[in-house]
Amino acid sequence: MKRIILMILLNIYRVPYWFIKICIYGKNDKYTEEQRYALLKHAVIKSNHSGRVKIQAFGLENLPNETGYIMFPNHQGLFDVLAFFETHPLPFTVVLKKEVLNVIFLRHIIRALRAQAIDRSDVRQSLKVINQMTEEVMQGRNFIIFAEGTRNKENVLLDFKGGSFKSAMNAKCPIVPVALIDSYKVFDTSSIKKQTVQIHYLKPIYYDEYKNMKSTEIAKLVKNKIEEEINHFV
């Protein structure tokens, strides 16, 4: 929380402008996905710099050449998506818990991203989101899904949920494991000292490699790849 306050204070003259622009971009379909992404990326980079956060990105060359893939990172904290904004070269959107819609500023960012909010207690709504994601991925959109389902707040992984991989299986799209290291230290601790976050884009897993696997087997495979990468650097 202290770092969030620091970011706001050091960008106090920019925040109203960003907020208004994000609201406008979120409500109006005349703006392209690229324009919306560029606005959010600019705001995030400025905020990260003000918050004394440095992002080290590895493996960008591993990202598929064609769009329409889903990235599956470990889920450490509130900062996770911001690490992607600073480093991922192309627009993406994200699947989040419906609870974040209750946070006023996040609600507008989610709208600008055209993100999906999922209610894990509602099977019918969850299935609708999965089907919508499948369709959008097949049309070339990139997604982020946190398969752990909840923040872990450390460099240790929880089990990945097999159901998180249903959209990738249905779309037959590349699965990109992503390892986040020390992301939880940015917003989920009380420190405002300089912090470095590592984001590792691992080699994608293509449909031919996982087409004969169960969703739980894919979940375990992706988790193991991320865990191995984290253990190598921590």
C-alpha atoms as a PDB file:
ATOM      1  CA  MET A   1       0.000   0.000   0.000  1.00  0.00           C
ATOM      2  CA  LYS A   2       2.835   2.421   0.796  1.00  0.00           C
ATOM      3  CA  ARG A   3       4.287   2.008  -2.700  1.00  0.00           C
ATOM      4  CA  ILE A   4       0.898   2.598  -4.318  1.00  0.00           C
ATOM      5  CA  ILE A   5       0.610   5.849  -2.368  1.00  0.00           C
ATOM      6  CA  LEU A   6       4.145   6.790  -3.481  1.00  0.00           C
ATOM      7  CA  MET A   7       3.231   6.159  -7.123  1.00  0.00           C
ATOM      8  CA  ILE A   8       0.119   8.307  -6.829  1.00  0.00           C
ATOM      9  CA  LEU A   9       1.874  11.174  -5.052  1.00  0.00           C
ATOM     10  CA  LEU A  10       4.735  11.341  -7.559  1.00  0.00           C
ATOM     11  CA  ASN A  11       2.259  11.302 -10.447  1.00  0.00           C
ATOM     12  CA  ILE A  12      -0.399  13.463  -8.790  1.00  0.00           C
ATOM     13  CA  TYR A  13      -0.616  15.806 -11.784  1.00  0.00           C
ATOM     14  CA  ARG A  14      -0.889  12.886 -14.218  1.00  0.00           C
ATOM     15  CA  VAL A  15      -3.391  10.688 -12.365  1.00  0.00           C
ATOM     16  CA  PRO A  16      -6.543  12.747 -13.160  1.00  0.00           C
ATOM     17  CA  TYR A  17      -5.580  12.828 -16.848  1.00  0.00           C
ATOM     18  CA  TRP A  18      -4.898   9.084 -16.934  1.00  0.00           C
ATOM     19  CA  PHE A  19      -8.140   8.326 -15.127  1.00  0.00           C
ATOM     20  CA  ILE A  20     -10.231  10.397 -17.508  1.00  0.00           C
ATOM     21  CA  LYS A  21      -8.512   8.955 -20.578  1.00  0.00           C
ATOM     22  CA  ILE A  22      -8.882   5.371 -19.333  1.00  0.00           C
ATOM     23  CA  CYS A  23     -12.582   5.956 -18.643  1.00  0.00           C
ATOM     24  CA  ILE A  24     -13.096   7.422 -22.121  1.00  0.00           C
ATOM     25  CA  TYR A  25     -11.138   4.636 -23.837  1.00  0.00           C
ATOM     26  CA  GLY A  26     -13.001   2.024 -21.838  1.00  0.00           C
ATOM     27  CA  LYS A  27     -16.463   3.301 -22.754  1.00  0.00           C
ATOM     28  CA  ASN A  28     -15.861   4.110 -26.414  1.00  0.00           C
ATOM     29  CA  ASP A  29     -15.392   1.382 -29.020  1.00  0.00           C
ATOM     30  CA  LYS A  30     -13.862   3.791 -31.529  1.00  0.00           C
ATOM     31  CA  TYR A  31     -10.460   3.279 -29.899  1.00  0.00           C
ATOM     32  CA  THR A  32      -8.511   0.250 -31.081  1.00  0.00           C
ATOM     33  CA  GLU A  33      -7.043  -2.384 -28.805  1.00  0.00           C
ATOM     34  CA  GLU A  34      -3.596  -1.056 -29.700  1.00  0.00           C
ATOM     35  CA  GLN A  35      -4.550   2.479 -28.623  1.00  0.00           C
ATOM     36  CA  ARG A  36      -6.011   1.289 -25.327  1.00  0.00           C
ATOM     37  CA  TYR A  37      -2.963  -0.862 -24.643  1.00  0.00           C
ATOM     38  CA  ALA A  38      -0.547   1.980 -25.459  1.00  0.00           C
ATOM     39  CA  LEU A  39      -2.317   4.272 -22.974  1.00  0.00           C
ATOM     40  CA  LEU A  40      -2.190   1.714 -20.167  1.00  0.00           C
ATOM     41  CA  LYS A  41       1.398   0.755 -20.960  1.00  0.00           C
ATOM     42  CA  HIS A  42       2.510   4.397 -20.804  1.00  0.00           C
ATOM     43  CA  ALA A  43       0.817   4.923 -17.437  1.00  0.00           C
ATOM     44  CA  VAL A  44       2.265   1.718 -16.003  1.00  0.00           C
ATOM     45  CA  ILE A  45       5.840   2.453 -17.081  1.00  0.00           C
ATOM     46  CA  LYS A  46       5.669   5.939 -15.539  1.00  0.00           C
ATOM     47  CA  SER A  47       4.142   4.542 -12.343  1.00  0.00           C
ATOM     48  CA  ASN A  48       6.684   1.740 -12.013  1.00  0.00           C
ATOM     49  CA  HIS A  49       9.554   4.195 -12.386  1.00  0.00           C
ATOM     50  CA  SER A  50       8.028   6.495  -9.766  1.00  0.00           C
ATOM     51  CA  GLY A  51       7.479   3.538  -7.454  1.00  0.00           C
ATOM     52  CA  ARG A  52      11.159   2.548  -7.656  1.00  0.00           C
ATOM     53  CA  VAL A  53      10.375  -0.733  -9.415  1.00  0.00           C
ATOM     54  CA  LYS A  54      12.659  -2.193 -12.074  1.00  0.00           C
ATOM     55  CA  ILE A  55      11.429  -4.982 -14.359  1.00  0.00           C
ATOM     56  CA  GLN A  56      13.891  -7.487 -15.798  1.00  0.00           C
ATOM     57  CA  ALA A  57      12.404  -9.426 -18.711  1.00  0.00           C
ATOM     58  CA  PHE A  58      13.806 -12.678 -20.031  1.00  0.00           C
ATOM     59  CA  GLY A  59      12.738 -14.902 -22.919  1.00  0.00           C
ATOM     60  CA  LEU A  60      10.805 -12.402 -25.017  1.00  0.00           C
ATOM     61  CA  GLU A  61      12.103 -14.298 -28.039  1.00  0.00           C
ATOM     62  CA  ASN A  62      10.031 -17.275 -26.862  1.00  0.00           C
ATOM     63  CA  LEU A  63       6.719 -15.522 -27.493  1.00  0.00           C
ATOM     64  CA  PRO A  64       4.860 -17.036 -30.473  1.00  0.00           C
ATOM     65  CA  ASN A  65       5.128 -15.160 -33.754  1.00  0.00           C
ATOM     66  CA  GLU A  66       1.388 -15.351 -34.288  1.00  0.00           C
ATOM     67  CA  THR A  67      -1.062 -13.739 -31.873  1.00  0.00           C
ATOM     68  CA  GLY A  68      -3.793 -15.770 -30.241  1.00  0.00           C
ATOM     69  CA  TYR A  69      -2.027 -17.403 -27.300  1.00  0.00           C
ATOM     70  CA  ILE A  70      -2.631 -17.663 -23.564  1.00  0.00           C
ATOM     71  CA  MET A  71       0.010 -16.889 -20.950  1.00  0.00           C
ATOM     72  CA  PHE A  72      -0.108 -18.799 -17.664  1.00  0.00           C
ATOM     73  CA  PRO A  73       2.017 -17.115 -14.952  1.00  0.00           C
ATOM     74  CA  ASN A  74       2.315 -17.920 -11.286  1.00  0.00           C
ATOM     75  CA  HIS A  75       0.241 -15.489  -9.207  1.00  0.00           C
ATOM     76  CA  GLN A  76       2.278 -13.672  -6.574  1.00  0.00           C
ATOM     77  CA  GLY A  77       0.506 -10.417  -5.892  1.00  0.00           C
ATOM     78  CA  LEU A  78      -1.341  -7.303  -7.001  1.00  0.00           C
ATOM     79  CA  PHE A  79       1.596  -6.124  -9.119  1.00  0.00           C
ATOM     80  CA  ASP A  80       1.725  -9.159 -11.443  1.00  0.00           C
ATOM     81  CA  VAL A  81      -0.187  -7.740 -14.406  1.00  0.00           C
ATOM     82  CA  LEU A  82       1.840  -4.505 -14.296  1.00  0.00           C
ATOM     83  CA  ALA A  83       5.005  -6.513 -14.962  1.00  0.00           C
ATOM     84  CA  PHE A  84       3.401  -7.723 -18.191  1.00  0.00           C
ATOM     85  CA  PHE A  85       2.391  -4.213 -19.263  1.00  0.00           C
ATOM     86  CA  GLU A  86       5.961  -2.988 -19.083  1.00  0.00           C
ATOM     87  CA  THR A  87       7.481  -5.940 -20.936  1.00  0.00           C
ATOM     88  CA  HIS A  88       4.965  -7.576 -23.267  1.00  0.00           C
ATOM     89  CA  PRO A  89       5.259  -6.017 -26.745  1.00  0.00           C
ATOM     90  CA  LEU A  90       1.706  -6.734 -27.929  1.00  0.00           C
ATOM     91  CA  PRO A  91      -1.748  -6.045 -26.488  1.00  0.00           C
ATOM     92  CA  PHE A  92      -3.210  -8.625 -24.152  1.00  0.00           C
ATOM     93  CA  THR A  93      -6.167  -8.968 -21.857  1.00  0.00           C
ATOM     94  CA  VAL A  94      -6.673 -10.879 -18.641  1.00  0.00           C
ATOM     95  CA  VAL A  95      -9.138 -13.075 -16.755  1.00  0.00           C
ATOM     96  CA  LEU A  96      -9.766 -11.846 -13.204  1.00  0.00           C
ATOM     97  CA  LYS A  97     -11.989 -12.688 -10.274  1.00  0.00           C
ATOM     98  CA  LYS A  98     -15.306 -10.831 -10.347  1.00  0.00           C
ATOM     99  CA  GLU A  99     -14.475  -9.227  -6.981  1.00  0.00           C
ATOM    100  CA  VAL A 100     -12.074  -6.763  -8.619  1.00  0.00           C
ATOM    101  CA  LEU A 101     -15.033  -5.141 -10.382  1.00  0.00           C
ATOM    102  CA  ASN A 102     -15.894  -3.587  -7.029  1.00  0.00           C
ATOM    103  CA  VAL A 103     -12.675  -1.539  -7.041  1.00  0.00           C
ATOM    104  CA  ILE A 104     -13.500   1.697  -8.847  1.00  0.00           C
ATOM    105  CA  PHE A 105     -10.182   2.391 -10.610  1.00  0.00           C
ATOM    106  CA  LEU A 106      -9.578  -1.259 -11.483  1.00  0.00           C
ATOM    107  CA  ARG A 107     -13.085  -1.471 -12.893  1.00  0.00           C
ATOM    108  CA  HIS A 108     -12.241   1.145 -15.527  1.00  0.00           C
ATOM    109  CA  ILE A 109      -8.903  -0.484 -16.377  1.00  0.00           C
ATOM    110  CA  ILE A 110     -10.654  -3.823 -16.832  1.00  0.00           C
ATOM    111  CA  ARG A 111     -13.156  -2.186 -19.147  1.00  0.00           C
ATOM    112  CA  ALA A 112     -10.361  -0.599 -21.184  1.00  0.00           C
ATOM    113  CA  LEU A 113      -8.672  -3.991 -21.463  1.00  0.00           C
ATOM    114  CA  ARG A 114     -11.956  -5.656 -22.448  1.00  0.00           C
ATOM    115  CA  ALA A 115     -10.987  -8.165 -19.754  1.00  0.00           C
ATOM    116  CA  GLN A 116     -13.099 -11.072 -18.517  1.00  0.00           C
ATOM    117  CA  ALA A 117     -14.339 -11.296 -14.928  1.00  0.00           C
ATOM    118  CA  ILE A 118     -15.096 -14.820 -13.759  1.00  0.00           C
ATOM    119  CA  ASP A 119     -17.333 -15.961 -10.908  1.00  0.00           C
ATOM    120  CA  ARG A 120     -15.826 -19.241  -9.762  1.00  0.00           C
ATOM    121  CA  SER A 121     -18.922 -20.035  -7.705  1.00  0.00           C
ATOM    122  CA  ASP A 122     -21.168 -19.857 -10.784  1.00  0.00           C
ATOM    123  CA  VAL A 123     -20.530 -22.792 -13.127  1.00  0.00           C
ATOM    124  CA  ARG A 124     -22.748 -21.433 -15.889  1.00  0.00           C
ATOM    125  CA  GLN A 125     -21.066 -18.001 -15.837  1.00  0.00           C
ATOM    126  CA  SER A 126     -17.602 -19.617 -15.749  1.00  0.00           C
ATOM    127  CA  LEU A 127     -18.470 -21.727 -18.793  1.00  0.00           C
ATOM    128  CA  LYS A 128     -19.677 -18.617 -20.610  1.00  0.00           C
ATOM    129  CA  VAL A 129     -16.355 -16.881 -19.915  1.00  0.00           C
ATOM    130  CA  ILE A 130     -14.400 -19.930 -21.107  1.00  0.00           C
ATOM    131  CA  ASN A 131     -16.390 -20.010 -24.352  1.00  0.00           C
ATOM    132  CA  GLN A 132     -15.960 -16.277 -24.888  1.00  0.00           C
ATOM    133  CA  MET A 133     -12.215 -16.562 -24.284  1.00  0.00           C
ATOM    134  CA  THR A 134     -11.945 -19.465 -26.711  1.00  0.00           C
ATOM    135  CA  GLU A 135     -13.613 -17.424 -29.418  1.00  0.00           C
ATOM    136  CA  GLU A 136     -11.455 -14.351 -28.809  1.00  0.00           C
ATOM    137  CA  VAL A 137      -8.202 -16.341 -28.723  1.00  0.00           C
ATOM    138  CA  MET A 138      -9.126 -17.943 -32.043  1.00  0.00           C
ATOM    139  CA  GLN A 139      -9.611 -14.419 -33.402  1.00  0.00           C
ATOM    140  CA  GLY A 140      -6.050 -13.524 -32.368  1.00  0.00           C
ATOM    141  CA  ARG A 141      -6.333 -11.992 -28.878  1.00  0.00           C
ATOM    142  CA  ASN A 142      -3.721 -12.792 -26.235  1.00  0.00           C
ATOM    143  CA  PHE A 143      -4.813 -13.615 -22.692  1.00  0.00           C
ATOM    144  CA  ILE A 144      -3.336 -13.960 -19.214  1.00  0.00           C
ATOM    145  CA  ILE A 145      -4.839 -16.476 -16.801  1.00  0.00           C
ATOM    146  CA  PHE A 146      -3.636 -17.080 -13.253  1.00  0.00           C
ATOM    147  CA  ALA A 147      -4.112 -20.828 -12.931  1.00  0.00           C
ATOM    148  CA  GLU A 148      -3.336 -20.850  -9.199  1.00  0.00           C
ATOM    149  CA  GLY A 149      -6.556 -18.921  -8.696  1.00  0.00           C
ATOM    150  CA  THR A 150      -5.269 -16.843  -5.793  1.00  0.00           C
ATOM    151  CA  ARG A 151      -2.236 -14.777  -4.839  1.00  0.00           C
ATOM    152  CA  ASN A 152       0.594 -16.724  -3.223  1.00  0.00           C
ATOM    153  CA  LYS A 153       2.755 -13.804  -2.015  1.00  0.00           C
ATOM    154  CA  GLU A 154       6.038 -15.710  -2.260  1.00  0.00           C
ATOM    155  CA  ASN A 155       8.337 -17.472  -4.728  1.00  0.00           C
ATOM    156  CA  VAL A 156       6.631 -20.807  -4.131  1.00  0.00           C
ATOM    157  CA  LEU A 157       3.792 -22.121  -6.302  1.00  0.00           C
ATOM    158  CA  LEU A 158       0.351 -23.405  -5.393  1.00  0.00           C
ATOM    159  CA  ASP A 159      -1.259 -26.120  -7.494  1.00  0.00           C
ATOM    160  CA  PHE A 160      -2.467 -25.025 -10.926  1.00  0.00           C
ATOM    161  CA  LYS A 161      -6.155 -25.683 -11.598  1.00  0.00           C
ATOM    162  CA  GLY A 162      -6.842 -27.862 -14.630  1.00  0.00           C
ATOM    163  CA  GLY A 163     -10.016 -25.973 -15.527  1.00  0.00           C
ATOM    164  CA  SER A 164      -7.940 -22.864 -16.240  1.00  0.00           C
ATOM    165  CA  PHE A 165      -6.593 -24.576 -19.353  1.00  0.00           C
ATOM    166  CA  LYS A 166      -9.969 -25.379 -20.953  1.00  0.00           C
ATOM    167  CA  SER A 167      -9.962 -22.290 -23.177  1.00  0.00           C
ATOM    168  CA  ALA A 168      -6.480 -23.078 -24.497  1.00  0.00           C
ATOM    169  CA  MET A 169      -7.508 -26.665 -25.204  1.00  0.00           C
ATOM    170  CA  ASN A 170     -10.677 -25.569 -26.985  1.00  0.00           C
ATOM    171  CA  ALA A 171      -8.866 -22.926 -29.034  1.00  0.00           C
ATOM    172  CA  LYS A 172      -5.925 -25.285 -29.724  1.00  0.00           C
ATOM    173  CA  CYS A 173      -3.649 -22.326 -29.092  1.00  0.00           C
ATOM    174  CA  PRO A 174      -0.092 -21.999 -27.796  1.00  0.00           C
ATOM    175  CA  ILE A 175       0.300 -22.084 -24.018  1.00  0.00           C
ATOM    176  CA  VAL A 176       3.040 -19.765 -22.702  1.00  0.00           C
ATOM    177  CA  PRO A 177       4.274 -20.502 -19.157  1.00  0.00           C
ATOM    178  CA  VAL A 178       5.526 -17.350 -17.423  1.00  0.00           C
ATOM    179  CA  ALA A 179       7.598 -17.244 -14.231  1.00  0.00           C
ATOM    180  CA  LEU A 180       7.280 -14.194 -11.984  1.00  0.00           C
ATOM    181  CA  ILE A 181       9.924 -13.669  -9.304  1.00  0.00           C
ATOM    182  CA  ASP A 182       9.625 -11.188  -6.400  1.00  0.00           C
ATOM    183  CA  SER A 183       6.507  -9.575  -7.845  1.00  0.00           C
ATOM    184  CA  TYR A 184       4.763  -9.882  -4.478  1.00  0.00           C
ATOM    185  CA  LYS A 185       7.349  -7.602  -2.863  1.00  0.00           C
ATOM    186  CA  VAL A 186       6.096  -4.543  -4.762  1.00  0.00           C
ATOM    187  CA  PHE A 187       2.548  -4.122  -3.412  1.00  0.00           C
ATOM    188  CA  ASP A 188       2.109  -6.981  -0.940  1.00  0.00           C
ATOM    189  CA  THR A 189       4.773  -5.822   1.532  1.00  0.00           C
ATOM    190  CA  SER A 190       5.103  -2.494   3.362  1.00  0.00           C
ATOM    191  CA  SER A 191       8.492  -1.627   1.843  1.00  0.00           C
ATOM    192  CA  ILE A 192       9.124   1.222  -0.612  1.00  0.00           C
ATOM    193  CA  LYS A 193      12.803   0.465  -1.162  1.00  0.00           C
ATOM    194  CA  LYS A 194      14.021  -0.146  -4.710  1.00  0.00           C
ATOM    195  CA  GLN A 195      12.683  -3.459  -5.970  1.00  0.00           C
ATOM    196  CA  THR A 196      13.545  -5.598  -8.978  1.00  0.00           C
ATOM    197  CA  VAL A 197      10.939  -7.951 -10.422  1.00  0.00           C
ATOM    198  CA  GLN A 198      11.867 -10.692 -12.862  1.00  0.00           C
ATOM    199  CA  ILE A 199       9.504 -11.948 -15.551  1.00  0.00           C
ATOM    200  CA  HIS A 200      10.538 -15.016 -17.549  1.00  0.00           C
ATOM    201  CA  TYR A 201       8.635 -15.889 -20.722  1.00  0.00           C
ATOM    202  CA  LEU A 202       9.247 -19.606 -21.202  1.00  0.00           C
ATOM    203  CA  LYS A 203       9.065 -21.610 -24.410  1.00  0.00           C
ATOM    204  CA  PRO A 204       5.473 -22.082 -25.573  1.00  0.00           C
ATOM    205  CA  ILE A 205       3.716 -25.425 -25.513  1.00  0.00           C
ATOM    206  CA  TYR A 206       1.920 -25.941 -28.818  1.00  0.00           C
ATOM    207  CA  TYR A 207      -1.283 -27.889 -29.372  1.00  0.00           C
ATOM    208  CA  ASP A 208       0.486 -30.876 -30.940  1.00  0.00           C
ATOM    209  CA  GLU A 209       2.419 -31.283 -27.688  1.00  0.00           C
ATOM    210  CA  TYR A 210      -0.591 -31.269 -25.361  1.00  0.00           C
ATOM    211  CA  LYS A 211      -3.520 -32.445 -27.505  1.00  0.00           C
ATOM    212  CA  ASN A 212      -3.514 -35.930 -25.955  1.00  0.00           C
ATOM    213  CA  MET A 213      -3.182 -34.677 -22.385  1.00  0.00           C
ATOM    214  CA  LYS A 214      -5.857 -34.082 -19.760  1.00  0.00           C
ATOM    215  CA  SER A 215      -6.294 -30.563 -18.405  1.00  0.00           C
ATOM    216  CA  THR A 216      -4.862 -31.640 -15.035  1.00  0.00           C
ATOM    217  CA  GLU A 217      -1.789 -33.044 -16.783  1.00  0.00           C
ATOM    218  CA  ILE A 218      -1.276 -29.783 -18.678  1.00  0.00           C
ATOM    219  CA  ALA A 219      -1.641 -27.858 -15.425  1.00  0.00           C
ATOM    220  CA  LYS A 220       1.025 -29.972 -13.779  1.00  0.00           C
ATOM    221  CA  LEU A 221       3.356 -29.623 -16.780  1.00  0.00           C
ATOM    222  CA  VAL A 222       3.070 -25.829 -16.832  1.00  0.00           C
ATOM    223  CA  LYS A 223       3.503 -25.560 -13.071  1.00  0.00           C
ATOM    224  CA  ASN A 224       6.645 -27.739 -13.194  1.00  0.00           C
ATOM    225  CA  LYS A 225       8.205 -25.608 -15.935  1.00  0.00           C
ATOM    226  CA  ILE A 226       7.585 -22.395 -13.985  1.00  0.00           C
ATOM    227  CA  GLU A 227       8.772 -23.958 -10.738  1.00  0.00           C
ATOM    228  CA  GLU A 228      11.998 -25.137 -12.362  1.00  0.00           C
ATOM    229  CA  GLU A 229      12.668 -21.636 -13.727  1.00  0.00           C
ATOM    230  CA  ILE A 230      12.035 -19.962 -10.379  1.00  0.00           C
ATOM    231  CA  ASN A 231      14.220 -22.428  -8.507  1.00  0.00           C
ATOM    232  CA  HIS A 232      17.035 -21.738 -10.978  1.00  0.00           C
ATOM    233  CA  PHE A 233      17.036 -18.018 -10.152  1.00  0.00           C
ATOM    234  CA  VAL A 234      16.039 -17.878  -6.484  1.00  0.00           C
END
